[in-house]
Amino acid sequence: GARVCERCFRFLGPLEDQIRSILVATGRSCAVVPSALPSVEGATELPAPVRCPGGCGLLFCSVGCAQANFAEQHQLLCPGPAQPSCASGSTAPPFSADGG
């Protein structure tokens, strides 16, 4: 399905990636999605995903959302780093709890 921030539910990543994700989830992965959609005046880019500071793989729209969610409740529920997997295709950059 669509990738959204675990805290505020804002869509994450390029629109083309969102469309591909939805097509795969609905069994239409063979549909052709252009590498770049035409730009729309006034449209803003979707934020790049930021990973959970605990390493579990949850995605957020910003370091602020990641830190707030972790401080509010997720630090109690976070299972820690996900097991390495060849199928893991996340391109989100790592996140450090100090904001970097």
N, C-alpha and C. Protein backbone atom coordinates (compact mmCIF):
# COMPACT_ATOMS: atom_id res chain seq x y z
N GLY A 1 0.81 -1.19 0.00
CA GLY A 1 0.00 0.00 0.00
C GLY A 1 0.85 1.25 0.00
N ALA A 2 0.21 2.32 0.21
CA ALA A 2 0.88 3.62 0.24
C ALA A 2 1.78 3.73 1.46
N ARG A 3 2.92 4.40 1.31
CA ARG A 3 3.82 4.63 2.44
C ARG A 3 3.46 5.96 3.07
N VAL A 4 3.19 5.93 4.39
CA VAL A 4 2.83 7.14 5.12
C VAL A 4 3.62 7.20 6.42
N CYS A 5 3.72 8.40 6.97
CA CYS A 5 4.37 8.63 8.25
C CYS A 5 3.59 7.90 9.34
N GLU A 6 4.29 7.19 10.20
CA GLU A 6 3.65 6.43 11.28
C GLU A 6 3.02 7.33 12.34
N ARG A 7 3.38 8.61 12.35
CA ARG A 7 2.83 9.52 13.36
C ARG A 7 1.71 10.40 12.80
N CYS A 8 1.96 11.06 11.68
CA CYS A 8 0.99 12.05 11.18
C CYS A 8 0.29 11.60 9.89
N PHE A 9 0.69 10.44 9.37
CA PHE A 9 0.08 9.84 8.17
C PHE A 9 0.29 10.63 6.88
N ARG A 10 1.30 11.49 6.86
CA ARG A 10 1.66 12.21 5.64
C ARG A 10 2.28 11.22 4.66
N PHE A 11 1.95 11.34 3.38
CA PHE A 11 2.54 10.47 2.37
C PHE A 11 4.05 10.69 2.30
N LEU A 12 4.80 9.62 2.00
CA LEU A 12 6.26 9.67 1.97
C LEU A 12 6.80 9.34 0.59
N GLY A 13 7.89 10.00 0.23
CA GLY A 13 8.62 9.67 -0.99
C GLY A 13 7.98 10.20 -2.24
N PRO A 14 8.65 9.99 -3.36
CA PRO A 14 8.13 10.48 -4.64
C PRO A 14 6.78 9.85 -4.98
N LEU A 15 5.95 10.61 -5.67
CA LEU A 15 4.62 10.15 -6.07
C LEU A 15 4.72 8.89 -6.94
N GLU A 16 5.75 8.82 -7.78
CA GLU A 16 5.93 7.64 -8.63
C GLU A 16 6.10 6.37 -7.78
N ASP A 17 6.84 6.49 -6.66
CA ASP A 17 7.02 5.34 -5.76
C ASP A 17 5.70 4.96 -5.09
N GLN A 18 4.90 5.97 -4.75
CA GLN A 18 3.59 5.69 -4.14
C GLN A 18 2.71 4.91 -5.11
N ILE A 19 2.70 5.33 -6.37
CA ILE A 19 1.87 4.65 -7.38
C ILE A 19 2.35 3.22 -7.57
N ARG A 20 3.67 3.02 -7.68
CA ARG A 20 4.21 1.66 -7.83
C ARG A 20 3.82 0.78 -6.65
N SER A 21 3.93 1.31 -5.45
CA SER A 21 3.60 0.55 -4.24
C SER A 21 2.14 0.11 -4.23
N ILE A 22 1.26 1.00 -4.63
CA ILE A 22 -0.18 0.68 -4.67
C ILE A 22 -0.45 -0.35 -5.76
N LEU A 23 0.19 -0.21 -6.91
CA LEU A 23 0.00 -1.19 -7.99
C LEU A 23 0.47 -2.58 -7.57
N VAL A 24 1.60 -2.65 -6.90
CA VAL A 24 2.11 -3.94 -6.42
C VAL A 24 1.14 -4.54 -5.41
N ALA A 25 0.65 -3.72 -4.48
CA ALA A 25 -0.27 -4.20 -3.44
C ALA A 25 -1.59 -4.69 -4.02
N THR A 26 -1.98 -4.16 -5.16
CA THR A 26 -3.25 -4.57 -5.77
C THR A 26 -3.06 -5.58 -6.89
N GLY A 27 -1.84 -6.11 -7.02
CA GLY A 27 -1.58 -7.15 -8.01
C GLY A 27 -1.42 -6.65 -9.43
N ARG A 28 -1.17 -5.37 -9.60
CA ARG A 28 -1.01 -4.81 -10.95
C ARG A 28 0.40 -4.29 -11.16
N SER A 29 1.37 -5.02 -10.64
CA SER A 29 2.75 -4.55 -10.69
C SER A 29 3.31 -4.48 -12.11
N CYS A 30 2.64 -5.11 -13.07
CA CYS A 30 3.14 -5.06 -14.45
C CYS A 30 2.74 -3.76 -15.16
N ALA A 31 1.90 -2.95 -14.53
CA ALA A 31 1.51 -1.67 -15.13
C ALA A 31 2.73 -0.77 -15.24
N VAL A 32 2.79 0.01 -16.29
CA VAL A 32 3.93 0.88 -16.52
C VAL A 32 3.70 2.23 -15.84
N VAL A 33 4.64 2.60 -14.98
CA VAL A 33 4.60 3.90 -14.32
C VAL A 33 5.80 4.68 -14.83
N PRO A 34 5.58 5.88 -15.36
CA PRO A 34 6.72 6.66 -15.85
C PRO A 34 7.71 6.94 -14.73
N SER A 35 8.98 7.05 -15.08
CA SER A 35 10.00 7.31 -14.06
C SER A 35 9.81 8.69 -13.44
N ALA A 36 9.21 9.60 -14.18
CA ALA A 36 8.91 10.93 -13.64
C ALA A 36 7.57 11.40 -14.20
N LEU A 37 6.67 11.74 -13.31
CA LEU A 37 5.37 12.26 -13.73
C LEU A 37 5.51 13.73 -14.08
N PRO A 38 4.61 14.27 -14.90
CA PRO A 38 4.67 15.70 -15.21
C PRO A 38 4.51 16.52 -13.92
N SER A 39 5.23 17.62 -13.84
CA SER A 39 5.11 18.46 -12.65
C SER A 39 3.81 19.25 -12.70
N VAL A 40 3.29 19.54 -11.52
CA VAL A 40 2.06 20.30 -11.39
C VAL A 40 2.39 21.58 -10.65
N GLU A 41 1.99 22.70 -11.22
CA GLU A 41 2.29 23.99 -10.61
C GLU A 41 1.67 24.06 -9.22
N GLY A 42 2.47 24.48 -8.24
CA GLY A 42 1.99 24.63 -6.87
C GLY A 42 2.07 23.38 -6.03
N ALA A 43 2.39 22.25 -6.65
CA ALA A 43 2.49 21.00 -5.89
C ALA A 43 3.83 20.95 -5.16
N THR A 44 3.83 20.42 -3.96
CA THR A 44 5.07 20.28 -3.21
C THR A 44 5.52 18.82 -3.25
N GLU A 45 6.82 18.62 -3.15
CA GLU A 45 7.35 17.26 -3.14
C GLU A 45 7.01 16.59 -1.81
N LEU A 46 6.81 15.28 -1.86
CA LEU A 46 6.57 14.53 -0.64
C LEU A 46 7.90 14.32 0.08
N PRO A 47 7.88 14.31 1.42
CA PRO A 47 9.14 14.18 2.16
C PRO A 47 9.76 12.79 2.00
N ALA A 48 11.08 12.76 2.04
CA ALA A 48 11.79 11.48 2.02
C ALA A 48 11.58 10.79 3.37
N PRO A 49 11.45 9.46 3.37
CA PRO A 49 11.22 8.76 4.63
C PRO A 49 12.42 8.82 5.57
N VAL A 50 12.13 8.90 6.87
CA VAL A 50 13.13 8.87 7.94
C VAL A 50 12.81 7.64 8.79
N ARG A 51 13.81 6.83 9.07
CA ARG A 51 13.59 5.59 9.83
C ARG A 51 13.45 5.84 11.33
N CYS A 52 12.83 4.90 12.00
CA CYS A 52 12.68 4.91 13.46
C CYS A 52 14.05 4.97 14.12
N PRO A 53 14.22 5.81 15.17
CA PRO A 53 15.52 5.89 15.84
C PRO A 53 15.88 4.60 16.57
N GLY A 54 14.90 3.74 16.85
CA GLY A 54 15.16 2.46 17.51
C GLY A 54 15.58 1.38 16.54
N GLY A 55 15.45 1.64 15.25
CA GLY A 55 15.91 0.70 14.24
C GLY A 55 14.92 -0.34 13.77
N CYS A 56 13.64 -0.22 14.13
CA CYS A 56 12.68 -1.26 13.77
C CYS A 56 12.20 -1.18 12.33
N GLY A 57 12.42 -0.06 11.67
CA GLY A 57 12.02 0.05 10.28
C GLY A 57 10.79 0.90 10.03
N LEU A 58 10.10 1.36 11.09
CA LEU A 58 8.98 2.27 10.86
C LEU A 58 9.49 3.51 10.17
N LEU A 59 8.63 4.12 9.35
CA LEU A 59 9.02 5.30 8.59
C LEU A 59 8.23 6.52 9.02
N PHE A 60 8.89 7.67 8.98
CA PHE A 60 8.30 8.94 9.38
C PHE A 60 8.60 10.00 8.33
N CYS A 61 7.85 11.10 8.36
CA CYS A 61 8.02 12.16 7.36
C CYS A 61 9.16 13.11 7.71
N SER A 62 9.60 13.10 8.96
CA SER A 62 10.64 14.02 9.38
C SER A 62 11.32 13.49 10.64
N VAL A 63 12.47 14.06 10.94
CA VAL A 63 13.16 13.72 12.18
C VAL A 63 12.28 14.11 13.36
N GLY A 64 11.57 15.25 13.24
CA GLY A 64 10.69 15.70 14.32
C GLY A 64 9.59 14.70 14.63
N CYS A 65 8.93 14.17 13.60
CA CYS A 65 7.88 13.17 13.81
C CYS A 65 8.47 11.89 14.40
N ALA A 66 9.64 11.49 13.92
CA ALA A 66 10.29 10.28 14.43
C ALA A 66 10.63 10.43 15.91
N GLN A 67 11.23 11.57 16.27
CA GLN A 67 11.61 11.81 17.66
C GLN A 67 10.39 11.90 18.56
N ALA A 68 9.36 12.63 18.12
CA ALA A 68 8.16 12.79 18.93
C ALA A 68 7.46 11.46 19.15
N ASN A 69 7.31 10.67 18.10
CA ASN A 69 6.64 9.37 18.23
C ASN A 69 7.43 8.45 19.16
N PHE A 70 8.76 8.46 19.02
CA PHE A 70 9.60 7.61 19.85
C PHE A 70 9.48 8.03 21.31
N ALA A 71 9.50 9.34 21.58
CA ALA A 71 9.41 9.84 22.96
C ALA A 71 8.04 9.61 23.57
N GLU A 72 6.98 9.73 22.76
CA GLU A 72 5.62 9.62 23.28
C GLU A 72 5.23 8.19 23.64
N GLN A 73 5.51 7.23 22.77
CA GLN A 73 5.11 5.86 23.09
C GLN A 73 5.95 4.79 22.41
N HIS A 74 6.51 5.07 21.28
CA HIS A 74 7.13 3.99 20.50
C HIS A 74 8.36 3.38 21.17
N GLN A 75 9.05 4.15 22.02
CA GLN A 75 10.23 3.58 22.67
C GLN A 75 9.87 2.38 23.54
N LEU A 76 8.62 2.32 24.00
CA LEU A 76 8.15 1.18 24.80
C LEU A 76 7.78 -0.01 23.94
N LEU A 77 7.43 0.23 22.69
CA LEU A 77 6.94 -0.82 21.79
C LEU A 77 7.93 -1.25 20.73
N CYS A 78 8.97 -0.47 20.53
CA CYS A 78 9.92 -0.71 19.43
C CYS A 78 10.68 -2.02 19.65
N PRO A 79 10.61 -2.94 18.69
CA PRO A 79 11.32 -4.21 18.84
C PRO A 79 12.81 -4.12 18.50
N GLY A 80 13.28 -2.94 18.12
CA GLY A 80 14.68 -2.77 17.78
C GLY A 80 14.95 -3.07 16.32
N PRO A 81 16.22 -3.19 15.97
CA PRO A 81 16.58 -3.40 14.57
C PRO A 81 15.92 -4.63 13.97
N ALA A 82 15.42 -4.44 12.76
CA ALA A 82 14.83 -5.55 12.02
C ALA A 82 15.94 -6.48 11.58
N GLN A 83 15.61 -7.75 11.42
CA GLN A 83 16.59 -8.72 10.95
C GLN A 83 16.96 -8.39 9.51
N PRO A 84 18.23 -8.50 9.15
CA PRO A 84 18.64 -8.23 7.77
C PRO A 84 17.88 -9.13 6.79
N SER A 85 17.52 -8.55 5.67
CA SER A 85 16.77 -9.30 4.68
C SER A 85 17.16 -8.84 3.29
N CYS A 86 17.27 -9.78 2.39
CA CYS A 86 17.58 -9.44 1.00
C CYS A 86 16.42 -8.69 0.36
N ALA A 87 15.19 -8.95 0.84
CA ALA A 87 14.00 -8.36 0.25
C ALA A 87 13.77 -6.93 0.71
N SER A 88 14.48 -6.49 1.73
CA SER A 88 14.29 -5.15 2.26
C SER A 88 14.76 -4.14 1.23
N GLY A 89 13.83 -3.33 0.73
CA GLY A 89 14.18 -2.39 -0.32
C GLY A 89 14.12 -0.95 0.13
N SER A 90 14.12 -0.70 1.44
CA SER A 90 13.98 0.66 1.94
C SER A 90 15.20 1.49 1.59
N THR A 91 14.95 2.70 1.14
CA THR A 91 16.03 3.61 0.80
C THR A 91 16.09 4.77 1.79
N ALA A 92 15.38 4.64 2.92
CA ALA A 92 15.37 5.71 3.91
C ALA A 92 16.74 5.81 4.56
N PRO A 93 17.23 7.03 4.76
CA PRO A 93 18.52 7.19 5.42
C PRO A 93 18.39 6.86 6.90
N PRO A 94 19.49 6.43 7.55
CA PRO A 94 19.42 6.16 8.98
C PRO A 94 19.17 7.45 9.75
N PHE A 95 18.69 7.33 10.96
CA PHE A 95 18.32 8.47 11.78
C PHE A 95 19.01 8.33 13.11
N SER A 96 19.56 9.41 13.64
CA SER A 96 20.14 9.34 14.97
C SER A 96 19.28 10.15 15.92
N ALA A 97 19.18 9.70 17.16
CA ALA A 97 18.31 10.33 18.15
C ALA A 97 18.75 11.76 18.48
N ASP A 98 19.99 12.13 18.15
CA ASP A 98 20.45 13.49 18.45
C ASP A 98 20.06 14.49 17.37
N GLY A 99 19.24 14.05 16.41
CA GLY A 99 18.73 14.95 15.39
C GLY A 99 19.54 14.97 14.11
N GLY A 100 20.58 14.16 14.01
CA GLY A 100 21.43 14.18 12.83
C GLY A 100 21.11 13.16 11.82
